[in-house]
Amino acid sequence: MRYGFFLLISAFLVGCVTTHVNEGLKALKGEPVSAAFQVLGYPTSRMSMGSDTLYSWSMNGSGVDFIPQRAVSTGLVGFTPVTITTNYTEIIPTSYSANIKILTNEAGIVKGSSWGGQIGAVQGCSGPLYKFAVEKRKRSAAAAPAKPSVATLEPKTQATTERNGTLYLR
């Protein structure tokens, strides 16, 4: 039961990180590459391909994984067989790596992006990326023109002309 709860929480956190990174990268599309620099910092590499430029951010991290284990021992106490079950957690040092790539056009506008690797390496940038996506949505909502309500719409009148017994609408 205890391990099930741990796995549920882990799955939730992994889902959040993935969603935040995906939303943030999607929000960068159409923005100047300087916005990506503000969110992610300066890239670790840059490569020109024709008129396009590919920026790449490599991230590495380390941590520990907690792996639940169970050991079963059997033996004799006197002439009585005994089985002992021991539950413990093995702590394993782990290294993480990930890569974010952003493609821009000749004007430096983000055309697309992708990322791959382990969640542990992109955790640090998931928050800033998600914050950028939320702020962009707010700016877009504030800049959108107000939609007129049905009550304020007036029917348009159309002039008609009759030629040779045919009715034309303008």
N, C-alpha and C. Protein backbone atom coordinates (compact mmCIF):
# COMPACT_ATOMS: atom_id res chain seq x y z
N MET A 1 0.83 -1.20 0.00
CA MET A 1 0.00 0.00 0.00
C MET A 1 0.87 1.26 0.00
N ARG A 2 1.89 1.23 0.84
CA ARG A 2 2.78 2.37 0.96
C ARG A 2 3.49 2.63 -0.37
N TYR A 3 3.94 1.57 -1.05
CA TYR A 3 4.64 1.72 -2.31
C TYR A 3 3.68 2.17 -3.42
N GLY A 4 2.43 1.74 -3.37
CA GLY A 4 1.43 2.15 -4.36
C GLY A 4 1.22 3.65 -4.30
N PHE A 5 1.15 4.20 -3.10
CA PHE A 5 0.99 5.65 -2.94
C PHE A 5 2.20 6.38 -3.51
N PHE A 6 3.41 5.86 -3.23
CA PHE A 6 4.65 6.46 -3.74
C PHE A 6 4.65 6.45 -5.26
N LEU A 7 4.23 5.36 -5.87
CA LEU A 7 4.19 5.25 -7.33
C LEU A 7 3.15 6.21 -7.91
N LEU A 8 2.01 6.36 -7.24
CA LEU A 8 0.97 7.28 -7.70
C LEU A 8 1.48 8.72 -7.69
N ILE A 9 2.12 9.11 -6.62
CA ILE A 9 2.68 10.47 -6.51
C ILE A 9 3.76 10.68 -7.58
N SER A 10 4.61 9.68 -7.78
CA SER A 10 5.67 9.78 -8.79
C SER A 10 5.08 9.96 -10.18
N ALA A 11 4.05 9.19 -10.51
CA ALA A 11 3.41 9.30 -11.83
C ALA A 11 2.79 10.68 -12.01
N PHE A 12 2.19 11.22 -10.95
CA PHE A 12 1.59 12.55 -11.03
C PHE A 12 2.67 13.60 -11.30
N LEU A 13 3.80 13.53 -10.60
CA LEU A 13 4.87 14.51 -10.79
C LEU A 13 5.48 14.41 -12.18
N VAL A 14 5.67 13.19 -12.68
CA VAL A 14 6.20 13.00 -14.03
C VAL A 14 5.25 13.62 -15.05
N GLY A 15 3.95 13.41 -14.87
CA GLY A 15 2.96 13.98 -15.78
C GLY A 15 2.98 15.49 -15.76
N CYS A 16 3.16 16.09 -14.58
CA CYS A 16 3.22 17.56 -14.49
C CYS A 16 4.43 18.10 -15.23
N VAL A 17 5.59 17.49 -15.00
CA VAL A 17 6.82 17.97 -15.65
C VAL A 17 6.67 17.88 -17.16
N THR A 18 6.19 16.75 -17.65
CA THR A 18 6.03 16.57 -19.10
C THR A 18 5.07 17.59 -19.67
N THR A 19 3.93 17.79 -19.02
CA THR A 19 2.94 18.75 -19.49
C THR A 19 3.50 20.17 -19.49
N HIS A 20 4.20 20.53 -18.43
CA HIS A 20 4.74 21.89 -18.32
C HIS A 20 5.78 22.15 -19.40
N VAL A 21 6.66 21.18 -19.65
CA VAL A 21 7.68 21.36 -20.69
C VAL A 21 7.01 21.46 -22.06
N ASN A 22 6.07 20.56 -22.34
CA ASN A 22 5.39 20.58 -23.64
C ASN A 22 4.64 21.89 -23.87
N GLU A 23 3.89 22.35 -22.87
CA GLU A 23 3.13 23.60 -23.01
C GLU A 23 4.06 24.80 -23.19
N GLY A 24 5.15 24.82 -22.44
CA GLY A 24 6.09 25.92 -22.55
C GLY A 24 6.75 25.99 -23.92
N LEU A 25 7.16 24.84 -24.44
CA LEU A 25 7.79 24.82 -25.76
C LEU A 25 6.78 25.19 -26.85
N LYS A 26 5.55 24.76 -26.70
CA LYS A 26 4.50 25.12 -27.67
C LYS A 26 4.27 26.64 -27.64
N ALA A 27 4.30 27.23 -26.45
CA ALA A 27 4.08 28.68 -26.32
C ALA A 27 5.21 29.49 -26.94
N LEU A 28 6.41 28.92 -27.03
CA LEU A 28 7.54 29.64 -27.62
C LEU A 28 7.42 29.77 -29.13
N LYS A 29 6.61 28.91 -29.76
CA LYS A 29 6.47 28.97 -31.21
C LYS A 29 5.91 30.32 -31.62
N GLY A 30 6.57 30.96 -32.60
CA GLY A 30 6.16 32.27 -33.07
C GLY A 30 6.78 33.42 -32.30
N GLU A 31 7.51 33.11 -31.24
CA GLU A 31 8.16 34.15 -30.43
C GLU A 31 9.60 34.33 -30.89
N PRO A 32 10.23 35.47 -30.59
CA PRO A 32 11.65 35.64 -30.89
C PRO A 32 12.48 34.68 -30.03
N VAL A 33 13.61 34.25 -30.56
CA VAL A 33 14.45 33.30 -29.83
C VAL A 33 14.93 33.89 -28.51
N SER A 34 14.95 35.20 -28.39
CA SER A 34 15.35 35.84 -27.13
C SER A 34 14.43 35.43 -25.99
N ALA A 35 13.17 35.14 -26.30
CA ALA A 35 12.23 34.66 -25.26
C ALA A 35 12.70 33.31 -24.74
N ALA A 36 13.19 32.44 -25.63
CA ALA A 36 13.71 31.14 -25.19
C ALA A 36 14.94 31.33 -24.32
N PHE A 37 15.79 32.30 -24.69
CA PHE A 37 16.98 32.57 -23.88
C PHE A 37 16.59 33.04 -22.48
N GLN A 38 15.54 33.86 -22.39
CA GLN A 38 15.08 34.34 -21.08
C GLN A 38 14.54 33.20 -20.22
N VAL A 39 13.89 32.23 -20.85
CA VAL A 39 13.28 31.14 -20.10
C VAL A 39 14.30 30.05 -19.77
N LEU A 40 15.12 29.68 -20.75
CA LEU A 40 16.01 28.52 -20.60
C LEU A 40 17.47 28.89 -20.35
N GLY A 41 17.81 30.17 -20.49
CA GLY A 41 19.22 30.55 -20.42
C GLY A 41 19.83 30.40 -21.80
N TYR A 42 21.13 30.59 -21.88
CA TYR A 42 21.78 30.49 -23.18
C TYR A 42 21.98 29.03 -23.55
N PRO A 43 21.86 28.71 -24.84
CA PRO A 43 21.97 27.32 -25.27
C PRO A 43 23.40 26.79 -25.16
N THR A 44 23.51 25.46 -25.13
CA THR A 44 24.83 24.83 -25.09
C THR A 44 25.42 24.69 -26.48
N SER A 45 24.56 24.74 -27.51
CA SER A 45 25.09 24.69 -28.88
C SER A 45 24.14 25.39 -29.84
N ARG A 46 24.71 25.76 -30.98
CA ARG A 46 23.95 26.44 -32.03
C ARG A 46 24.46 25.92 -33.37
N MET A 47 23.54 25.58 -34.27
CA MET A 47 23.92 25.05 -35.56
C MET A 47 23.07 25.70 -36.64
N SER A 48 23.72 26.21 -37.68
CA SER A 48 23.01 26.82 -38.80
C SER A 48 22.76 25.77 -39.87
N MET A 49 21.54 25.80 -40.42
CA MET A 49 21.16 24.88 -41.49
C MET A 49 20.42 25.71 -42.53
N GLY A 50 21.14 26.12 -43.57
CA GLY A 50 20.53 27.01 -44.56
C GLY A 50 20.22 28.33 -43.89
N SER A 51 18.98 28.76 -43.97
CA SER A 51 18.58 30.02 -43.33
C SER A 51 18.03 29.80 -41.92
N ASP A 52 17.89 28.55 -41.51
CA ASP A 52 17.38 28.23 -40.17
C ASP A 52 18.53 28.01 -39.19
N THR A 53 18.23 28.16 -37.91
CA THR A 53 19.21 27.92 -36.86
C THR A 53 18.59 26.99 -35.83
N LEU A 54 19.36 25.99 -35.40
CA LEU A 54 18.92 25.04 -34.38
C LEU A 54 19.71 25.31 -33.11
N TYR A 55 19.00 25.65 -32.05
CA TYR A 55 19.61 25.87 -30.74
C TYR A 55 19.34 24.64 -29.89
N SER A 56 20.33 24.26 -29.09
CA SER A 56 20.19 23.06 -28.27
C SER A 56 20.63 23.34 -26.84
N TRP A 57 19.83 22.90 -25.90
CA TRP A 57 20.14 23.00 -24.48
C TRP A 57 20.32 21.58 -23.95
N SER A 58 21.49 21.26 -23.43
CA SER A 58 21.74 19.95 -22.82
C SER A 58 21.71 20.11 -21.32
N MET A 59 20.96 19.24 -20.68
CA MET A 59 20.82 19.30 -19.23
C MET A 59 21.21 17.97 -18.62
N ASN A 60 21.92 18.05 -17.52
CA ASN A 60 22.32 16.85 -16.80
C ASN A 60 21.99 17.05 -15.34
N GLY A 61 21.69 15.99 -14.68
CA GLY A 61 21.40 16.05 -13.26
C GLY A 61 21.71 14.72 -12.62
N SER A 62 21.66 14.71 -11.34
CA SER A 62 21.86 13.45 -10.62
C SER A 62 20.91 13.42 -9.44
N GLY A 63 20.68 12.26 -8.98
CA GLY A 63 19.79 12.08 -7.84
C GLY A 63 19.88 10.64 -7.38
N VAL A 64 18.90 10.23 -6.65
CA VAL A 64 18.85 8.86 -6.18
C VAL A 64 17.48 8.27 -6.47
N ASP A 65 17.47 7.01 -6.77
CA ASP A 65 16.21 6.28 -6.93
C ASP A 65 16.05 5.37 -5.73
N PHE A 66 14.84 5.33 -5.21
CA PHE A 66 14.52 4.47 -4.08
C PHE A 66 13.77 3.25 -4.61
N ILE A 67 14.40 2.10 -4.53
CA ILE A 67 13.83 0.88 -5.08
C ILE A 67 13.42 -0.04 -3.93
N PRO A 68 12.11 -0.29 -3.79
CA PRO A 68 11.68 -1.21 -2.72
C PRO A 68 12.15 -2.64 -3.02
N GLN A 69 12.64 -3.30 -1.99
CA GLN A 69 13.17 -4.66 -2.13
C GLN A 69 12.57 -5.55 -1.05
N ARG A 70 12.59 -6.86 -1.30
CA ARG A 70 12.13 -7.84 -0.32
C ARG A 70 13.11 -9.01 -0.35
N ALA A 71 13.57 -9.38 0.80
CA ALA A 71 14.47 -10.52 0.91
C ALA A 71 13.81 -11.58 1.79
N VAL A 72 13.89 -12.82 1.35
CA VAL A 72 13.33 -13.93 2.11
C VAL A 72 14.47 -14.86 2.49
N SER A 73 14.57 -15.14 3.79
CA SER A 73 15.61 -16.05 4.30
C SER A 73 14.95 -17.22 4.99
N THR A 74 15.52 -18.35 4.80
CA THR A 74 15.00 -19.53 5.48
C THR A 74 16.13 -20.19 6.25
N GLY A 75 15.76 -20.88 7.27
CA GLY A 75 16.77 -21.57 8.07
C GLY A 75 16.09 -22.40 9.14
N LEU A 76 16.89 -22.86 10.05
CA LEU A 76 16.38 -23.67 11.16
C LEU A 76 16.74 -23.01 12.47
N VAL A 77 15.80 -23.02 13.38
CA VAL A 77 16.05 -22.64 14.76
C VAL A 77 15.86 -23.93 15.54
N GLY A 78 16.97 -24.51 15.92
CA GLY A 78 16.89 -25.86 16.48
C GLY A 78 16.52 -26.80 15.34
N PHE A 79 15.40 -27.46 15.50
CA PHE A 79 14.91 -28.34 14.44
C PHE A 79 13.64 -27.77 13.77
N THR A 80 13.32 -26.50 14.09
CA THR A 80 12.13 -25.88 13.54
C THR A 80 12.50 -25.00 12.35
N PRO A 81 11.87 -25.26 11.16
CA PRO A 81 12.14 -24.40 10.00
C PRO A 81 11.55 -23.00 10.21
N VAL A 82 12.31 -22.00 9.80
CA VAL A 82 11.90 -20.61 9.99
C VAL A 82 12.09 -19.87 8.65
N THR A 83 11.10 -19.03 8.33
CA THR A 83 11.20 -18.15 7.16
C THR A 83 11.09 -16.71 7.64
N ILE A 84 12.03 -15.90 7.22
CA ILE A 84 12.04 -14.50 7.62
C ILE A 84 11.98 -13.65 6.36
N THR A 85 11.03 -12.72 6.35
CA THR A 85 10.89 -11.79 5.22
C THR A 85 11.31 -10.41 5.69
N THR A 86 12.21 -9.80 4.93
CA THR A 86 12.70 -8.47 5.27
C THR A 86 12.39 -7.53 4.11
N ASN A 87 11.69 -6.42 4.41
CA ASN A 87 11.43 -5.37 3.42
C ASN A 87 12.41 -4.23 3.67
N TYR A 88 12.99 -3.73 2.60
CA TYR A 88 13.92 -2.62 2.72
C TYR A 88 13.92 -1.82 1.42
N THR A 89 14.52 -0.66 1.46
CA THR A 89 14.61 0.19 0.28
C THR A 89 16.06 0.33 -0.11
N GLU A 90 16.35 0.01 -1.37
CA GLU A 90 17.70 0.16 -1.89
C GLU A 90 17.81 1.55 -2.51
N ILE A 91 18.87 2.26 -2.16
CA ILE A 91 19.09 3.61 -2.68
C ILE A 91 20.17 3.51 -3.76
N ILE A 92 19.79 3.90 -5.00
CA ILE A 92 20.70 3.77 -6.13
C ILE A 92 20.99 5.16 -6.70
N PRO A 93 22.26 5.58 -6.75
CA PRO A 93 22.59 6.86 -7.38
C PRO A 93 22.26 6.80 -8.88
N THR A 94 21.69 7.89 -9.40
CA THR A 94 21.25 7.91 -10.79
C THR A 94 21.68 9.21 -11.45
N SER A 95 22.06 9.13 -12.71
CA SER A 95 22.37 10.32 -13.51
C SER A 95 21.26 10.50 -14.54
N TYR A 96 20.88 11.74 -14.77
CA TYR A 96 19.84 12.07 -15.73
C TYR A 96 20.41 12.97 -16.82
N SER A 97 19.88 12.86 -18.02
CA SER A 97 20.26 13.79 -19.08
C SER A 97 19.06 14.02 -19.99
N ALA A 98 19.00 15.20 -20.57
CA ALA A 98 17.92 15.56 -21.49
C ALA A 98 18.43 16.64 -22.42
N ASN A 99 17.68 16.85 -23.50
CA ASN A 99 18.07 17.83 -24.50
C ASN A 99 16.81 18.53 -25.01
N ILE A 100 16.86 19.85 -25.07
CA ILE A 100 15.77 20.65 -25.65
C ILE A 100 16.33 21.29 -26.91
N LYS A 101 15.57 21.19 -28.00
CA LYS A 101 16.00 21.79 -29.27
C LYS A 101 14.93 22.76 -29.76
N ILE A 102 15.39 23.92 -30.24
CA ILE A 102 14.49 24.94 -30.76
C ILE A 102 15.01 25.37 -32.13
N LEU A 103 14.14 25.34 -33.13
CA LEU A 103 14.47 25.73 -34.49
C LEU A 103 13.89 27.10 -34.78
N THR A 104 14.73 28.00 -35.32
CA THR A 104 14.27 29.34 -35.66
C THR A 104 14.49 29.61 -37.15
N ASN A 105 13.72 30.55 -37.68
CA ASN A 105 13.91 30.96 -39.07
C ASN A 105 14.99 32.03 -39.15
N GLU A 106 15.20 32.59 -40.35
CA GLU A 106 16.27 33.58 -40.54
C GLU A 106 16.04 34.85 -39.74
N ALA A 107 14.81 35.14 -39.36
CA ALA A 107 14.50 36.33 -38.56
C ALA A 107 14.64 36.07 -37.06
N GLY A 108 14.98 34.85 -36.68
CA GLY A 108 15.13 34.52 -35.26
C GLY A 108 13.81 34.22 -34.57
N ILE A 109 12.78 33.86 -35.33
CA ILE A 109 11.48 33.51 -34.77
C ILE A 109 11.39 31.99 -34.63
N VAL A 110 10.92 31.52 -33.49
CA VAL A 110 10.85 30.09 -33.22
C VAL A 110 9.84 29.42 -34.16
N LYS A 111 10.31 28.43 -34.91
CA LYS A 111 9.46 27.67 -35.83
C LYS A 111 8.94 26.38 -35.19
N GLY A 112 9.74 25.80 -34.33
CA GLY A 112 9.35 24.54 -33.71
C GLY A 112 10.33 24.16 -32.62
N SER A 113 9.97 23.12 -31.88
CA SER A 113 10.83 22.68 -30.78
C SER A 113 10.55 21.22 -30.47
N SER A 114 11.50 20.62 -29.76
CA SER A 114 11.33 19.24 -29.30
C SER A 114 12.22 19.03 -28.08
N TRP A 115 11.94 17.97 -27.37
CA TRP A 115 12.80 17.63 -26.26
C TRP A 115 12.76 16.12 -26.07
N GLY A 116 13.80 15.61 -25.45
CA GLY A 116 13.87 14.19 -25.16
C GLY A 116 14.84 13.97 -24.02
N GLY A 117 14.67 12.85 -23.37
CA GLY A 117 15.55 12.51 -22.26
C GLY A 117 14.75 12.15 -21.04
N GLN A 118 15.40 12.25 -19.92
CA GLN A 118 14.79 11.82 -18.66
C GLN A 118 14.21 13.02 -17.91
N ILE A 119 13.11 12.75 -17.27
CA ILE A 119 12.35 13.79 -16.56
C ILE A 119 13.22 14.50 -15.51
N GLY A 120 14.05 13.75 -14.83
CA GLY A 120 14.87 14.34 -13.77
C GLY A 120 15.75 15.46 -14.26
N ALA A 121 16.14 15.43 -15.52
CA ALA A 121 17.03 16.47 -16.06
C ALA A 121 16.28 17.73 -16.45
N VAL A 122 15.00 17.63 -16.83
CA VAL A 122 14.25 18.83 -17.28
C VAL A 122 13.37 19.43 -16.18
N GLN A 123 13.39 18.83 -15.00
CA GLN A 123 12.57 19.36 -13.90
C GLN A 123 12.84 20.84 -13.65
N GLY A 124 14.11 21.22 -13.70
CA GLY A 124 14.49 22.59 -13.39
C GLY A 124 13.93 23.62 -14.36
N CYS A 125 13.73 23.25 -15.61
CA CYS A 125 13.23 24.22 -16.58
C CYS A 125 11.72 24.08 -16.82
N SER A 126 11.08 23.06 -16.24
CA SER A 126 9.64 22.89 -16.47
C SER A 126 8.84 24.03 -15.86
N GLY A 127 9.24 24.50 -14.69
CA GLY A 127 8.53 25.61 -14.05
C GLY A 127 8.60 26.90 -14.86
N PRO A 128 9.81 27.35 -15.25
CA PRO A 128 9.90 28.56 -16.06
C PRO A 128 9.18 28.44 -17.41
N LEU A 129 9.24 27.27 -18.04
CA LEU A 129 8.54 27.09 -19.32
C LEU A 129 7.03 27.21 -19.13
N TYR A 130 6.50 26.57 -18.09
CA TYR A 130 5.07 26.62 -17.83
C TYR A 130 4.63 28.04 -17.48
N LYS A 131 5.45 28.75 -16.70
CA LYS A 131 5.13 30.13 -16.35
C LYS A 131 5.06 30.99 -17.61
N PHE A 132 5.99 30.78 -18.54
CA PHE A 132 5.97 31.52 -19.81
C PHE A 132 4.67 31.24 -20.57
N ALA A 133 4.25 29.95 -20.61
CA ALA A 133 3.02 29.59 -21.33
C ALA A 133 1.81 30.27 -20.71
N VAL A 134 1.74 30.28 -19.39
CA VAL A 134 0.60 30.91 -18.69
C VAL A 134 0.58 32.41 -18.95
N GLU A 135 1.75 33.05 -18.88
CA GLU A 135 1.81 34.50 -19.12
C GLU A 135 1.43 34.83 -20.57
N LYS A 136 1.83 34.00 -21.52
CA LYS A 136 1.48 34.24 -22.92
C LYS A 136 -0.02 34.12 -23.12
N ARG A 137 -0.64 33.13 -22.47
CA ARG A 137 -2.11 32.99 -22.56
C ARG A 137 -2.81 34.22 -22.01
N LYS A 138 -2.31 34.74 -20.89
CA LYS A 138 -2.91 35.93 -20.29
C LYS A 138 -2.77 37.13 -21.23
N ARG A 139 -1.59 37.30 -21.84
CA ARG A 139 -1.38 38.41 -22.78
C ARG A 139 -2.31 38.28 -23.98
N SER A 140 -2.46 37.06 -24.49
CA SER A 140 -3.33 36.83 -25.65
C SER A 140 -4.78 37.13 -25.30
N ALA A 141 -5.21 36.74 -24.11
CA ALA A 141 -6.59 36.98 -23.70
C ALA A 141 -6.85 38.48 -23.52
N ALA A 142 -5.87 39.20 -23.00
CA ALA A 142 -6.04 40.64 -22.79
C ALA A 142 -6.05 41.40 -24.11
N ALA A 143 -5.30 40.90 -25.10
CA ALA A 143 -5.20 41.58 -26.39
C ALA A 143 -6.34 41.22 -27.34
N ALA A 144 -7.07 40.15 -27.05
CA ALA A 144 -8.15 39.72 -27.94
C ALA A 144 -9.28 40.73 -27.91
N PRO A 145 -9.82 41.06 -29.07
CA PRO A 145 -10.95 42.00 -29.09
C PRO A 145 -12.18 41.37 -28.44
N ALA A 146 -12.96 42.21 -27.79
CA ALA A 146 -14.17 41.71 -27.13
C ALA A 146 -15.16 41.25 -28.19
N LYS A 147 -15.76 40.11 -27.97
CA LYS A 147 -16.76 39.60 -28.90
C LYS A 147 -18.10 40.30 -28.62
N PRO A 148 -18.75 40.79 -29.66
CA PRO A 148 -20.03 41.47 -29.41
C PRO A 148 -21.09 40.47 -28.97
N SER A 149 -21.95 40.93 -28.10
CA SER A 149 -23.03 40.05 -27.66
C SER A 149 -24.12 40.04 -28.73
N VAL A 150 -24.99 39.08 -28.67
CA VAL A 150 -26.05 38.94 -29.66
C VAL A 150 -26.97 40.17 -29.64
N ALA A 151 -27.16 40.76 -28.48
CA ALA A 151 -28.06 41.89 -28.36
C ALA A 151 -27.54 43.12 -29.11
N THR A 152 -26.21 43.23 -29.30
CA THR A 152 -25.68 44.42 -29.93
C THR A 152 -25.55 44.27 -31.44
N LEU A 153 -25.80 43.12 -31.99
CA LEU A 153 -25.70 42.93 -33.43
C LEU A 153 -26.92 43.52 -34.12
N GLU A 154 -26.69 44.24 -35.18
CA GLU A 154 -27.79 44.81 -35.95
C GLU A 154 -27.84 44.11 -37.31
N PRO A 155 -29.03 43.84 -37.80
CA PRO A 155 -29.10 43.18 -39.11
C PRO A 155 -28.61 44.13 -40.19
N LYS A 156 -27.88 43.55 -41.15
CA LYS A 156 -27.39 44.36 -42.27
C LYS A 156 -28.47 44.45 -43.33
N THR A 157 -28.61 45.64 -43.89
CA THR A 157 -29.59 45.82 -44.96
C THR A 157 -28.88 45.66 -46.29
N GLN A 158 -29.56 45.08 -47.24
CA GLN A 158 -28.99 44.87 -48.56
C GLN A 158 -29.84 45.57 -49.59
N ALA A 159 -29.19 46.29 -50.47
CA ALA A 159 -29.90 46.99 -51.53
C ALA A 159 -30.22 46.00 -52.64
N THR A 160 -31.33 46.20 -53.27
CA THR A 160 -31.73 45.32 -54.37
C THR A 160 -31.88 46.14 -55.64
N THR A 161 -31.60 45.53 -56.74
CA THR A 161 -31.77 46.17 -58.05
C THR A 161 -32.46 45.17 -58.94
N GLU A 162 -33.39 45.65 -59.67
CA GLU A 162 -34.11 44.76 -60.57
C GLU A 162 -33.73 45.12 -62.01
N ARG A 163 -33.23 44.13 -62.74
CA ARG A 163 -32.88 44.31 -64.14
C ARG A 163 -33.51 43.19 -64.95
N ASN A 164 -34.21 43.57 -65.95
CA ASN A 164 -34.84 42.60 -66.84
C ASN A 164 -35.64 41.55 -66.08
N GLY A 165 -36.30 41.98 -65.02
CA GLY A 165 -37.14 41.05 -64.25
C GLY A 165 -36.35 40.17 -63.29
N THR A 166 -34.99 40.38 -63.16
CA THR A 166 -34.17 39.60 -62.24
C THR A 166 -33.81 40.45 -61.04
N LEU A 167 -33.90 39.87 -59.85
CA LEU A 167 -33.61 40.57 -58.62
C LEU A 167 -32.14 40.31 -58.23
N TYR A 168 -31.38 41.36 -58.03
CA TYR A 168 -29.97 41.24 -57.64
C TYR A 168 -29.79 41.78 -56.23
N LEU A 169 -28.98 41.10 -55.45
CA LEU A 169 -28.66 41.56 -54.10
C LEU A 169 -27.23 42.09 -54.10
N ARG A 170 -27.04 43.18 -53.40
CA ARG A 170 -25.69 43.74 -53.26
C ARG A 170 -25.26 43.65 -51.85
